Structure formats: C-alpha cells, structure tokens
Amino acid sequence: MTIVVPPSGNVNGFAFRLQPNDKLKECLCQIAQIVFARMPKDECSSLFVMTTVGSLKDVTLRLAGASKTSNGGEKTTTNPIKKWQNERFEIVSLVGTFSRDGSCHLHLSMSDTNGATFGGHLMDGVVFTTCEVVLGCIHGVDFPRALDDRTGYMELLPRQILKNERWFSRWNLSSASLWIAIGYTLHLVLSKSNPSGKK
C-alpha cells in the first residue's frame, strides 16, 4: 500500500426529514443531486451521511459476501439479497457516500422488535414514522468512481480539487473585480492630473 495524504476540506451540513412512506434510498439520492445542483462543483462535489435517526418498513438489503470477482478473475454472484416485508425496524446506523454522477453507496444497520440487528448494502426501504438525516459536504474534495478490477465494482477514488481548478470561485471573481476597480480609478486620477496627455 502506498501511503498518501488523503484529500481534505471544510465540512458543511444539510439537515432534513423524510416523511412516512418515502422511499429511503431514492429520496436520499434525489436530495443529494439537489444539493449538488445548487452548489458550485469546486465547493461541493462530495456528500456523505453524517447521521440518521428513524424507522423503516419493507427493507431490502444485499448482505455480506459481495464479491463480483473470484481469485481467478471470474465473475461470481455471492450477494444474497434479503427482503423484510411488512416488518418495522429502527435505524441503528446509516452510512454512505454520494457522487455528482448520481452514484451512491449506502450501508444500513437496523434492529427489529426483539432488538436483533441486521445490516448490509441498502437496496430499498420505506420510511415508517420518520427519518431525520444530516448529509455532509467536504469542500474541495471530489468523489469520482472507477472500476476496480480486483473487486469488479465501481469504487470510490476521493481526490482533492486543485486550486487552479477553481477558476470561477467567488473569491477569484471578487479579487479580479477589485483590481479592475483600482486600475480604472488610477486611470481616472492620472488622466485628470494630466489632461493634455503629455508625459
């Protein structure tokens, strides 16, 4: 493994509540895309789940054992999918990431009426009473995905957005406007002090 400094940046939060009968994964992906659409790419190109509290019903998870490739490189399908119909659960934990291209990767832990806990890759689920969510955005970090031949999946490749990629930020625009105003003011002052234009 090569040791590198991971991408970093300041974090902002986006808090909201999902209503009864909302589809959890579908709504989270829609809200992520709304956040991305409202924020410049250099300010928000990565979202992640900071915290979630609520309850679900009709949940579908892909369980552990998920490997699309075996040691020989052949595709395998060892991803058991489990559905809980007409059952209610408390959300114990929801974690995951969202990318600007619309992809997401979400894992859910939930507990039943006996306190037994189940977890896996979130495929589907419906909000029962409420779902309170806070998504976080890391400024200056992008969450692209690329196919990893070792796993057979599109895997996350976090990368730092370089400052020269932020060519249209508010700071650069303000700075440029200030220098243009200073230059124009100097031009006016100098042209008034020398109206004939002689040197």
N, C-alpha and C. Protein backbone atom coordinates (compact mmCIF):
# COMPACT_ATOMS: atom_id res chain seq x y z
N MET A 1 0.83 -1.18 0.00
CA MET A 1 0.00 0.00 0.00
C MET A 1 0.87 1.24 0.00
N THR A 2 0.53 2.19 -0.85
CA THR A 2 1.23 3.46 -0.89
C THR A 2 0.53 4.42 0.07
N ILE A 3 1.31 5.04 0.94
CA ILE A 3 0.75 5.98 1.90
C ILE A 3 0.72 7.36 1.27
N VAL A 4 -0.47 7.97 1.21
CA VAL A 4 -0.62 9.33 0.68
C VAL A 4 -1.47 10.13 1.66
N VAL A 5 -1.36 11.46 1.54
CA VAL A 5 -2.20 12.33 2.36
C VAL A 5 -3.59 12.33 1.73
N PRO A 6 -4.61 11.92 2.48
CA PRO A 6 -5.95 11.88 1.90
C PRO A 6 -6.49 13.28 1.65
N PRO A 7 -7.38 13.41 0.65
CA PRO A 7 -7.97 14.72 0.38
C PRO A 7 -8.74 15.21 1.60
N SER A 8 -8.76 16.53 1.78
CA SER A 8 -9.46 17.08 2.94
C SER A 8 -10.04 18.45 2.61
N GLY A 9 -10.94 18.90 3.47
CA GLY A 9 -11.56 20.22 3.31
C GLY A 9 -12.54 20.47 4.43
N ASN A 10 -13.05 21.68 4.48
CA ASN A 10 -14.05 22.04 5.48
C ASN A 10 -15.36 21.33 5.18
N VAL A 11 -16.16 21.09 6.23
CA VAL A 11 -17.41 20.35 6.08
C VAL A 11 -18.60 21.26 6.38
N ASN A 12 -19.61 21.18 5.53
CA ASN A 12 -20.91 21.83 5.77
C ASN A 12 -21.96 20.74 5.89
N GLY A 13 -23.01 21.00 6.65
CA GLY A 13 -24.08 20.02 6.83
C GLY A 13 -25.39 20.47 6.21
N PHE A 14 -26.18 19.50 5.76
CA PHE A 14 -27.50 19.73 5.19
C PHE A 14 -28.48 18.82 5.93
N ALA A 15 -29.39 19.42 6.69
CA ALA A 15 -30.29 18.64 7.54
C ALA A 15 -31.71 18.64 6.96
N PHE A 16 -32.38 17.49 7.04
CA PHE A 16 -33.74 17.37 6.53
C PHE A 16 -34.42 16.16 7.15
N ARG A 17 -35.72 16.08 6.95
CA ARG A 17 -36.51 14.95 7.46
C ARG A 17 -37.30 14.33 6.32
N LEU A 18 -37.25 13.00 6.23
CA LEU A 18 -38.08 12.27 5.28
C LEU A 18 -39.39 11.89 5.98
N GLN A 19 -40.45 11.83 5.20
CA GLN A 19 -41.80 11.62 5.71
C GLN A 19 -42.19 10.14 5.64
N PRO A 20 -43.26 9.75 6.37
CA PRO A 20 -43.76 8.37 6.25
C PRO A 20 -44.05 8.00 4.80
N ASN A 21 -43.67 6.78 4.44
CA ASN A 21 -43.85 6.19 3.11
C ASN A 21 -42.89 6.72 2.03
N ASP A 22 -41.96 7.61 2.40
CA ASP A 22 -40.91 8.00 1.44
C ASP A 22 -39.98 6.81 1.24
N LYS A 23 -39.51 6.63 0.02
CA LYS A 23 -38.51 5.59 -0.27
C LYS A 23 -37.14 6.13 0.11
N LEU A 24 -36.50 5.46 1.06
CA LEU A 24 -35.27 5.97 1.66
C LEU A 24 -34.16 6.24 0.65
N LYS A 25 -33.73 5.23 -0.08
CA LYS A 25 -32.59 5.39 -0.99
C LYS A 25 -32.92 6.37 -2.11
N GLU A 26 -34.09 6.25 -2.67
CA GLU A 26 -34.49 7.13 -3.77
C GLU A 26 -34.49 8.60 -3.32
N CYS A 27 -35.06 8.87 -2.15
CA CYS A 27 -35.12 10.25 -1.64
C CYS A 27 -33.73 10.78 -1.31
N LEU A 28 -32.89 9.97 -0.70
CA LEU A 28 -31.53 10.41 -0.38
C LEU A 28 -30.76 10.78 -1.65
N CYS A 29 -30.89 9.97 -2.68
CA CYS A 29 -30.20 10.26 -3.95
C CYS A 29 -30.74 11.52 -4.60
N GLN A 30 -32.06 11.72 -4.53
CA GLN A 30 -32.65 12.94 -5.10
C GLN A 30 -32.17 14.18 -4.36
N ILE A 31 -32.17 14.12 -3.03
CA ILE A 31 -31.72 15.27 -2.24
C ILE A 31 -30.23 15.54 -2.49
N ALA A 32 -29.43 14.51 -2.60
CA ALA A 32 -28.00 14.69 -2.91
C ALA A 32 -27.84 15.43 -4.23
N GLN A 33 -28.61 15.07 -5.24
CA GLN A 33 -28.49 15.73 -6.54
C GLN A 33 -28.98 17.17 -6.49
N ILE A 34 -29.98 17.46 -5.65
CA ILE A 34 -30.44 18.84 -5.46
C ILE A 34 -29.33 19.68 -4.83
N VAL A 35 -28.67 19.12 -3.81
CA VAL A 35 -27.55 19.83 -3.18
C VAL A 35 -26.45 20.08 -4.20
N PHE A 36 -26.08 19.06 -4.98
CA PHE A 36 -25.04 19.23 -5.99
C PHE A 36 -25.43 20.30 -7.01
N ALA A 37 -26.70 20.34 -7.42
CA ALA A 37 -27.16 21.30 -8.43
C ALA A 37 -27.12 22.74 -7.92
N ARG A 38 -27.26 22.91 -6.61
CA ARG A 38 -27.30 24.25 -6.04
C ARG A 38 -25.92 24.77 -5.61
N MET A 39 -24.92 23.90 -5.63
CA MET A 39 -23.59 24.30 -5.16
C MET A 39 -22.59 24.20 -6.32
N PRO A 40 -21.66 25.16 -6.42
CA PRO A 40 -20.61 25.05 -7.44
C PRO A 40 -19.78 23.79 -7.23
N LYS A 41 -19.30 23.22 -8.31
CA LYS A 41 -18.58 21.95 -8.24
C LYS A 41 -17.36 22.02 -7.33
N ASP A 42 -16.65 23.14 -7.34
CA ASP A 42 -15.45 23.23 -6.51
C ASP A 42 -15.80 23.40 -5.03
N GLU A 43 -17.04 23.76 -4.73
CA GLU A 43 -17.45 23.90 -3.33
C GLU A 43 -18.09 22.62 -2.78
N CYS A 44 -18.72 21.82 -3.65
CA CYS A 44 -19.39 20.62 -3.17
C CYS A 44 -19.46 19.56 -4.27
N SER A 45 -18.54 18.64 -4.24
CA SER A 45 -18.55 17.51 -5.18
C SER A 45 -18.50 16.19 -4.45
N SER A 46 -18.73 16.23 -3.15
CA SER A 46 -18.75 15.01 -2.36
C SER A 46 -19.76 15.19 -1.22
N LEU A 47 -20.61 14.20 -1.06
CA LEU A 47 -21.55 14.20 0.06
C LEU A 47 -21.43 12.87 0.78
N PHE A 48 -21.69 12.90 2.08
CA PHE A 48 -21.67 11.67 2.86
C PHE A 48 -22.72 11.79 3.95
N VAL A 49 -23.17 10.65 4.45
CA VAL A 49 -24.16 10.63 5.53
C VAL A 49 -23.44 10.88 6.85
N MET A 50 -23.83 11.96 7.54
CA MET A 50 -23.23 12.26 8.85
C MET A 50 -23.99 11.53 9.96
N THR A 51 -25.31 11.58 9.91
CA THR A 51 -26.11 10.88 10.91
C THR A 51 -27.52 10.67 10.38
N THR A 52 -28.17 9.63 10.89
CA THR A 52 -29.55 9.32 10.52
C THR A 52 -30.24 8.67 11.71
N VAL A 53 -31.47 9.10 11.97
CA VAL A 53 -32.30 8.53 13.03
C VAL A 53 -33.69 8.34 12.45
N GLY A 54 -34.30 7.19 12.69
CA GLY A 54 -35.66 7.00 12.21
C GLY A 54 -36.07 5.55 12.21
N SER A 55 -37.16 5.28 11.50
CA SER A 55 -37.69 3.91 11.43
C SER A 55 -38.08 3.58 10.00
N LEU A 56 -38.02 2.27 9.69
CA LEU A 56 -38.28 1.79 8.32
C LEU A 56 -39.24 0.62 8.33
N LYS A 57 -39.78 0.35 7.16
CA LYS A 57 -40.54 -0.87 6.90
C LYS A 57 -40.19 -1.32 5.49
N ASP A 58 -40.53 -2.56 5.16
CA ASP A 58 -40.30 -3.10 3.81
C ASP A 58 -38.88 -2.82 3.32
N VAL A 59 -37.91 -3.41 4.00
CA VAL A 59 -36.49 -3.15 3.73
C VAL A 59 -35.89 -4.28 2.90
N THR A 60 -35.01 -3.90 1.97
CA THR A 60 -34.24 -4.88 1.19
C THR A 60 -32.76 -4.54 1.32
N LEU A 61 -31.96 -5.52 1.74
CA LEU A 61 -30.51 -5.36 1.88
C LEU A 61 -29.79 -6.41 1.07
N ARG A 62 -28.63 -6.03 0.54
CA ARG A 62 -27.70 -7.02 -0.02
C ARG A 62 -26.72 -7.32 1.09
N LEU A 63 -26.62 -8.58 1.44
CA LEU A 63 -25.83 -8.98 2.61
C LEU A 63 -24.36 -9.19 2.27
N ALA A 64 -23.58 -9.47 3.30
CA ALA A 64 -22.13 -9.65 3.14
C ALA A 64 -21.82 -10.82 2.22
N GLY A 65 -20.59 -10.84 1.73
CA GLY A 65 -20.17 -11.88 0.79
C GLY A 65 -20.21 -11.33 -0.62
N ALA A 66 -20.26 -10.00 -0.73
CA ALA A 66 -20.39 -9.37 -2.03
C ALA A 66 -19.04 -9.27 -2.73
N SER A 67 -18.80 -10.15 -3.67
CA SER A 67 -17.59 -10.10 -4.48
C SER A 67 -17.97 -10.47 -5.90
N LYS A 68 -17.67 -9.57 -6.81
CA LYS A 68 -18.01 -9.84 -8.20
C LYS A 68 -16.93 -10.65 -8.90
N THR A 69 -15.76 -10.75 -8.28
CA THR A 69 -14.68 -11.50 -8.90
C THR A 69 -14.12 -12.50 -7.90
N SER A 70 -13.71 -13.63 -8.41
CA SER A 70 -13.04 -14.62 -7.56
C SER A 70 -11.55 -14.48 -7.77
N ASN A 71 -10.77 -15.35 -7.15
CA ASN A 71 -9.32 -15.27 -7.30
C ASN A 71 -8.87 -15.43 -8.75
N GLY A 72 -9.62 -16.21 -9.51
CA GLY A 72 -9.27 -16.41 -10.92
C GLY A 72 -9.78 -15.31 -11.83
N GLY A 73 -10.46 -14.30 -11.28
CA GLY A 73 -10.95 -13.21 -12.08
C GLY A 73 -12.33 -13.46 -12.68
N GLU A 74 -12.92 -14.63 -12.37
CA GLU A 74 -14.24 -14.93 -12.91
C GLU A 74 -15.30 -14.22 -12.09
N LYS A 75 -16.39 -13.82 -12.78
CA LYS A 75 -17.49 -13.16 -12.09
C LYS A 75 -18.26 -14.17 -11.24
N THR A 76 -18.59 -13.78 -10.03
CA THR A 76 -19.39 -14.63 -9.16
C THR A 76 -20.58 -13.81 -8.65
N THR A 77 -21.60 -14.48 -8.20
CA THR A 77 -22.76 -13.79 -7.64
C THR A 77 -23.07 -14.38 -6.27
N THR A 78 -22.27 -13.98 -5.29
CA THR A 78 -22.46 -14.48 -3.93
C THR A 78 -23.05 -13.37 -3.05
N ASN A 79 -23.95 -12.59 -3.60
CA ASN A 79 -24.53 -11.48 -2.89
C ASN A 79 -25.97 -11.81 -2.51
N PRO A 80 -26.19 -12.50 -1.40
CA PRO A 80 -27.57 -12.81 -1.04
C PRO A 80 -28.36 -11.53 -0.76
N ILE A 81 -29.56 -11.47 -1.28
CA ILE A 81 -30.43 -10.32 -1.06
C ILE A 81 -31.56 -10.76 -0.16
N LYS A 82 -31.79 -10.01 0.92
CA LYS A 82 -32.82 -10.35 1.90
C LYS A 82 -33.86 -9.24 1.94
N LYS A 83 -35.14 -9.65 1.90
CA LYS A 83 -36.26 -8.71 1.97
C LYS A 83 -37.05 -8.96 3.24
N TRP A 84 -37.41 -7.88 3.92
CA TRP A 84 -38.28 -7.94 5.08
C TRP A 84 -39.57 -7.18 4.73
N GLN A 85 -40.60 -7.89 4.37
CA GLN A 85 -41.88 -7.27 4.02
C GLN A 85 -42.77 -7.17 5.24
N ASN A 86 -43.50 -6.08 5.36
CA ASN A 86 -44.46 -5.87 6.45
C ASN A 86 -43.83 -5.99 7.83
N GLU A 87 -42.54 -5.63 7.94
CA GLU A 87 -41.86 -5.61 9.23
C GLU A 87 -41.34 -4.20 9.48
N ARG A 88 -41.25 -3.82 10.76
CA ARG A 88 -40.80 -2.48 11.12
C ARG A 88 -39.46 -2.55 11.85
N PHE A 89 -38.62 -1.56 11.58
CA PHE A 89 -37.26 -1.54 12.13
C PHE A 89 -36.88 -0.14 12.57
N GLU A 90 -36.00 -0.07 13.58
CA GLU A 90 -35.35 1.18 13.95
C GLU A 90 -34.03 1.27 13.20
N ILE A 91 -33.71 2.44 12.68
CA ILE A 91 -32.40 2.64 12.05
C ILE A 91 -31.37 2.78 13.16
N VAL A 92 -30.41 1.87 13.19
CA VAL A 92 -29.32 1.93 14.15
C VAL A 92 -28.18 2.78 13.58
N SER A 93 -27.96 2.63 12.28
CA SER A 93 -26.89 3.37 11.62
C SER A 93 -27.14 3.39 10.11
N LEU A 94 -26.83 4.49 9.49
CA LEU A 94 -26.83 4.59 8.03
C LEU A 94 -25.59 5.37 7.64
N VAL A 95 -24.75 4.78 6.82
CA VAL A 95 -23.51 5.42 6.37
C VAL A 95 -23.44 5.32 4.86
N GLY A 96 -22.70 6.24 4.25
CA GLY A 96 -22.54 6.14 2.81
C GLY A 96 -22.04 7.41 2.17
N THR A 97 -21.82 7.31 0.85
CA THR A 97 -21.29 8.42 0.06
C THR A 97 -22.14 8.63 -1.19
N PHE A 98 -22.11 9.88 -1.69
CA PHE A 98 -22.83 10.26 -2.91
C PHE A 98 -21.85 11.00 -3.83
N SER A 99 -21.96 10.75 -5.14
CA SER A 99 -21.11 11.42 -6.11
C SER A 99 -21.96 12.26 -7.05
N ARG A 100 -21.35 13.26 -7.68
CA ARG A 100 -22.08 14.13 -8.60
C ARG A 100 -22.66 13.38 -9.78
N ASP A 101 -22.06 12.24 -10.16
CA ASP A 101 -22.56 11.49 -11.32
C ASP A 101 -23.84 10.71 -11.00
N GLY A 102 -24.35 10.85 -9.77
CA GLY A 102 -25.60 10.18 -9.38
C GLY A 102 -25.39 8.88 -8.64
N SER A 103 -24.15 8.41 -8.56
CA SER A 103 -23.91 7.14 -7.86
C SER A 103 -23.89 7.36 -6.36
N CYS A 104 -24.25 6.29 -5.64
CA CYS A 104 -24.19 6.33 -4.18
C CYS A 104 -23.85 4.93 -3.67
N HIS A 105 -23.38 4.88 -2.45
CA HIS A 105 -23.04 3.62 -1.79
C HIS A 105 -23.49 3.75 -0.35
N LEU A 106 -24.54 3.02 0.03
CA LEU A 106 -25.14 3.16 1.35
C LEU A 106 -25.21 1.83 2.08
N HIS A 107 -24.82 1.83 3.34
CA HIS A 107 -24.96 0.66 4.21
C HIS A 107 -25.86 1.02 5.38
N LEU A 108 -26.73 0.07 5.73
CA LEU A 108 -27.73 0.28 6.78
C LEU A 108 -27.62 -0.79 7.84
N SER A 109 -27.70 -0.37 9.11
CA SER A 109 -27.91 -1.30 10.22
C SER A 109 -29.25 -0.96 10.83
N MET A 110 -30.04 -2.00 11.14
CA MET A 110 -31.39 -1.79 11.68
C MET A 110 -31.69 -2.87 12.70
N SER A 111 -32.58 -2.53 13.64
CA SER A 111 -32.94 -3.51 14.67
C SER A 111 -34.44 -3.76 14.64
N ASP A 112 -34.82 -5.02 14.95
CA ASP A 112 -36.24 -5.39 14.92
C ASP A 112 -36.86 -5.24 16.31
N THR A 113 -38.09 -5.73 16.46
CA THR A 113 -38.83 -5.57 17.73
C THR A 113 -38.17 -6.32 18.89
N ASN A 114 -37.31 -7.30 18.60
CA ASN A 114 -36.60 -8.04 19.64
C ASN A 114 -35.21 -7.47 19.92
N GLY A 115 -34.83 -6.43 19.17
CA GLY A 115 -33.50 -5.85 19.34
C GLY A 115 -32.43 -6.52 18.50
N ALA A 116 -32.81 -7.56 17.72
CA ALA A 116 -31.84 -8.19 16.83
C ALA A 116 -31.46 -7.20 15.73
N THR A 117 -30.18 -7.15 15.43
CA THR A 117 -29.69 -6.17 14.46
C THR A 117 -29.24 -6.86 13.18
N PHE A 118 -29.60 -6.24 12.06
CA PHE A 118 -29.24 -6.73 10.73
C PHE A 118 -28.57 -5.58 9.98
N GLY A 119 -27.70 -5.91 9.07
CA GLY A 119 -27.05 -4.85 8.29
C GLY A 119 -26.59 -5.34 6.95
N GLY A 120 -26.41 -4.38 6.05
CA GLY A 120 -25.91 -4.69 4.72
C GLY A 120 -26.03 -3.48 3.81
N HIS A 121 -25.84 -3.75 2.52
CA HIS A 121 -25.90 -2.72 1.48
C HIS A 121 -27.37 -2.37 1.24
N LEU A 122 -27.74 -1.11 1.40
CA LEU A 122 -29.13 -0.69 1.25
C LEU A 122 -29.57 -0.76 -0.20
N MET A 123 -30.58 -1.58 -0.45
CA MET A 123 -31.17 -1.68 -1.79
C MET A 123 -32.48 -0.88 -1.84
N ASP A 124 -33.28 -1.00 -0.77
CA ASP A 124 -34.57 -0.34 -0.73
C ASP A 124 -35.07 -0.31 0.70
N GLY A 125 -35.98 0.56 0.98
CA GLY A 125 -36.59 0.67 2.29
C GLY A 125 -37.56 1.83 2.29
N VAL A 126 -38.62 1.73 3.08
CA VAL A 126 -39.66 2.75 3.14
C VAL A 126 -39.69 3.33 4.55
N VAL A 127 -39.77 4.65 4.65
CA VAL A 127 -39.83 5.32 5.95
C VAL A 127 -41.14 4.94 6.62
N PHE A 128 -41.05 4.53 7.90
CA PHE A 128 -42.25 4.18 8.65
C PHE A 128 -42.83 5.42 9.34
N THR A 129 -42.15 5.97 10.34
CA THR A 129 -42.67 7.17 11.01
C THR A 129 -41.89 8.42 10.63
N THR A 130 -40.58 8.33 10.64
CA THR A 130 -39.74 9.49 10.33
C THR A 130 -38.35 9.01 9.95
N CYS A 131 -37.59 9.89 9.32
CA CYS A 131 -36.18 9.63 9.05
C CYS A 131 -35.47 10.98 9.02
N GLU A 132 -34.73 11.27 10.09
CA GLU A 132 -34.02 12.54 10.24
C GLU A 132 -32.58 12.33 9.76
N VAL A 133 -32.16 13.15 8.80
CA VAL A 133 -30.87 12.92 8.14
C VAL A 133 -30.05 14.20 8.12
N VAL A 134 -28.74 14.06 8.30
CA VAL A 134 -27.81 15.15 8.05
C VAL A 134 -26.77 14.63 7.06
N LEU A 135 -26.68 15.29 5.90
CA LEU A 135 -25.64 14.98 4.91
C LEU A 135 -24.52 16.00 5.07
N GLY A 136 -23.29 15.55 4.88
CA GLY A 136 -22.14 16.44 4.95
C GLY A 136 -21.50 16.61 3.59
N CYS A 137 -20.94 17.79 3.36
CA CYS A 137 -20.23 18.11 2.11
C CYS A 137 -18.81 18.51 2.46
N ILE A 138 -17.82 17.92 1.79
CA ILE A 138 -16.42 18.28 2.02
C ILE A 138 -15.98 19.23 0.91
N HIS A 139 -15.71 20.48 1.26
CA HIS A 139 -15.29 21.47 0.26
C HIS A 139 -13.94 21.09 -0.34
N GLY A 140 -13.84 21.19 -1.65
CA GLY A 140 -12.58 20.94 -2.33
C GLY A 140 -12.22 19.48 -2.51
N VAL A 141 -13.20 18.57 -2.27
CA VAL A 141 -12.95 17.14 -2.45
C VAL A 141 -14.00 16.57 -3.40
N ASP A 142 -13.54 15.78 -4.36
CA ASP A 142 -14.43 15.15 -5.34
C ASP A 142 -14.51 13.66 -5.03
N PHE A 143 -15.68 13.06 -5.31
CA PHE A 143 -15.91 11.63 -5.08
C PHE A 143 -16.17 10.91 -6.40
N PRO A 144 -15.19 10.84 -7.32
CA PRO A 144 -15.43 10.06 -8.54
C PRO A 144 -15.33 8.56 -8.25
N ARG A 145 -15.86 7.76 -9.16
CA ARG A 145 -15.78 6.30 -9.03
C ARG A 145 -15.16 5.73 -10.30
N ALA A 146 -14.46 4.62 -10.15
CA ALA A 146 -13.85 3.94 -11.29
C ALA A 146 -13.89 2.44 -11.03
N LEU A 147 -13.93 1.69 -12.10
CA LEU A 147 -13.98 0.23 -12.00
C LEU A 147 -12.67 -0.28 -11.39
N ASP A 148 -12.80 -1.08 -10.36
CA ASP A 148 -11.65 -1.72 -9.72
C ASP A 148 -11.65 -3.18 -10.17
N ASP A 149 -10.64 -3.57 -10.95
CA ASP A 149 -10.57 -4.93 -11.48
C ASP A 149 -10.49 -5.98 -10.37
N ARG A 150 -9.99 -5.60 -9.20
CA ARG A 150 -9.86 -6.54 -8.10
C ARG A 150 -11.20 -6.90 -7.49
N THR A 151 -12.16 -5.95 -7.51
CA THR A 151 -13.47 -6.21 -6.90
C THR A 151 -14.58 -6.39 -7.92
N GLY A 152 -14.39 -5.81 -9.11
CA GLY A 152 -15.44 -5.86 -10.13
C GLY A 152 -16.49 -4.77 -9.94
N TYR A 153 -16.27 -3.87 -8.98
CA TYR A 153 -17.23 -2.80 -8.69
C TYR A 153 -16.65 -1.43 -9.04
N MET A 154 -17.55 -0.47 -9.23
CA MET A 154 -17.15 0.93 -9.37
C MET A 154 -16.83 1.41 -7.96
N GLU A 155 -15.56 1.67 -7.68
CA GLU A 155 -15.12 2.01 -6.33
C GLU A 155 -14.78 3.50 -6.22
N LEU A 156 -14.90 4.02 -5.01
CA LEU A 156 -14.65 5.42 -4.72
C LEU A 156 -13.17 5.74 -4.81
N LEU A 157 -12.85 6.86 -5.48
CA LEU A 157 -11.47 7.34 -5.60
C LEU A 157 -11.44 8.82 -5.18
N PRO A 158 -11.51 9.11 -3.88
CA PRO A 158 -11.54 10.52 -3.46
C PRO A 158 -10.32 11.27 -3.99
N ARG A 159 -10.56 12.50 -4.45
CA ARG A 159 -9.44 13.31 -4.95
C ARG A 159 -9.64 14.75 -4.55
N GLN A 160 -8.52 15.43 -4.32
CA GLN A 160 -8.54 16.85 -3.98
C GLN A 160 -8.77 17.65 -5.25
N ILE A 161 -9.67 18.61 -5.18
CA ILE A 161 -9.86 19.53 -6.31
C ILE A 161 -8.78 20.59 -6.16
N LEU A 162 -7.90 20.68 -7.15
CA LEU A 162 -6.78 21.60 -7.07
C LEU A 162 -7.26 23.03 -7.19
N LYS A 163 -6.52 23.95 -6.58
CA LYS A 163 -6.95 25.34 -6.57
C LYS A 163 -7.08 25.91 -7.97
N ASN A 164 -6.24 25.49 -8.92
CA ASN A 164 -6.36 26.04 -10.27
C ASN A 164 -7.58 25.49 -11.01
N GLU A 165 -8.24 24.48 -10.43
CA GLU A 165 -9.49 24.01 -11.00
C GLU A 165 -10.65 24.87 -10.54
N ARG A 166 -10.41 25.68 -9.54
CA ARG A 166 -11.46 26.55 -9.01
C ARG A 166 -11.40 27.91 -9.69
N TRP A 167 -11.47 27.92 -10.98
CA TRP A 167 -11.23 29.12 -11.78
C TRP A 167 -12.34 30.15 -11.66
N PHE A 168 -13.52 29.81 -11.20
CA PHE A 168 -14.62 30.76 -11.16
C PHE A 168 -15.19 30.88 -9.76
N SER A 169 -14.33 30.82 -8.77
CA SER A 169 -14.83 30.91 -7.39
C SER A 169 -15.19 32.36 -7.07
N ARG A 170 -16.00 32.54 -6.04
CA ARG A 170 -16.41 33.89 -5.63
C ARG A 170 -15.19 34.73 -5.26
N TRP A 171 -14.19 34.12 -4.60
CA TRP A 171 -13.00 34.87 -4.19
C TRP A 171 -12.25 35.39 -5.40
N ASN A 172 -12.03 34.54 -6.41
CA ASN A 172 -11.32 34.97 -7.61
C ASN A 172 -12.08 36.07 -8.32
N LEU A 173 -13.40 35.96 -8.41
CA LEU A 173 -14.23 36.96 -9.07
C LEU A 173 -14.16 38.28 -8.30
N SER A 174 -14.25 38.24 -6.97
CA SER A 174 -14.17 39.44 -6.14
C SER A 174 -12.80 40.08 -6.27
N SER A 175 -11.76 39.27 -6.22
CA SER A 175 -10.40 39.77 -6.33
C SER A 175 -10.18 40.45 -7.68
N ALA A 176 -10.64 39.81 -8.76
CA ALA A 176 -10.49 40.39 -10.09
C ALA A 176 -11.25 41.70 -10.19
N SER A 177 -12.47 41.75 -9.64
CA SER A 177 -13.27 42.98 -9.68
C SER A 177 -12.57 44.11 -8.93
N LEU A 178 -11.98 43.79 -7.78
CA LEU A 178 -11.27 44.79 -7.00
C LEU A 178 -10.10 45.37 -7.79
N TRP A 179 -9.29 44.53 -8.41
CA TRP A 179 -8.14 45.01 -9.18
C TRP A 179 -8.56 45.80 -10.40
N ILE A 180 -9.67 45.43 -11.02
CA ILE A 180 -10.17 46.21 -12.16
C ILE A 180 -10.61 47.60 -11.69
N ALA A 181 -11.31 47.65 -10.54
CA ALA A 181 -11.76 48.94 -9.99
C ALA A 181 -10.57 49.82 -9.62
N ILE A 182 -9.54 49.24 -8.99
CA ILE A 182 -8.34 50.00 -8.63
C ILE A 182 -7.66 50.52 -9.89
N GLY A 183 -7.52 49.68 -10.88
CA GLY A 183 -6.88 50.09 -12.13
C GLY A 183 -7.65 51.20 -12.82
N TYR A 184 -8.97 51.10 -12.85
CA TYR A 184 -9.80 52.12 -13.50
C TYR A 184 -9.72 53.44 -12.74
N THR A 185 -9.73 53.36 -11.38
CA THR A 185 -9.63 54.56 -10.56
C THR A 185 -8.29 55.25 -10.79
N LEU A 186 -7.21 54.49 -10.81
CA LEU A 186 -5.89 55.06 -11.09
C LEU A 186 -5.85 55.71 -12.47
N HIS A 187 -6.46 55.09 -13.44
CA HIS A 187 -6.52 55.64 -14.79
C HIS A 187 -7.23 56.99 -14.77
N LEU A 188 -8.37 57.09 -14.06
CA LEU A 188 -9.12 58.35 -13.98
C LEU A 188 -8.31 59.43 -13.27
N VAL A 189 -7.67 59.07 -12.15
CA VAL A 189 -6.88 60.03 -11.38
C VAL A 189 -5.72 60.54 -12.22
N LEU A 190 -5.02 59.66 -12.88
CA LEU A 190 -3.86 60.07 -13.69
C LEU A 190 -4.29 60.89 -14.90
N SER A 191 -5.42 60.55 -15.51
CA SER A 191 -5.86 61.30 -16.69
C SER A 191 -6.36 62.68 -16.29
N LYS A 192 -6.91 62.88 -15.07
CA LYS A 192 -7.34 64.19 -14.59
C LYS A 192 -6.14 65.05 -14.21
N SER A 193 -5.09 64.43 -13.66
CA SER A 193 -3.92 65.18 -13.26
C SER A 193 -3.07 65.58 -14.46
N ASN A 194 -3.30 64.95 -15.60
CA ASN A 194 -2.55 65.26 -16.83
C ASN A 194 -3.54 65.28 -17.99
N PRO A 195 -4.42 66.30 -18.05
CA PRO A 195 -5.48 66.31 -19.07
C PRO A 195 -4.96 66.38 -20.49
N SER A 196 -3.77 66.96 -20.73
CA SER A 196 -3.27 67.07 -22.11
C SER A 196 -2.68 65.77 -22.60
N GLY A 197 -2.43 64.84 -21.68
CA GLY A 197 -1.87 63.57 -22.06
C GLY A 197 -0.37 63.62 -22.25
N LYS A 198 0.30 64.78 -21.91
CA LYS A 198 1.77 64.90 -22.05
C LYS A 198 2.44 64.22 -20.90
N LYS A 199 3.63 63.66 -21.18
CA LYS A 199 4.41 62.99 -20.15
C LYS A 199 5.45 63.91 -19.57
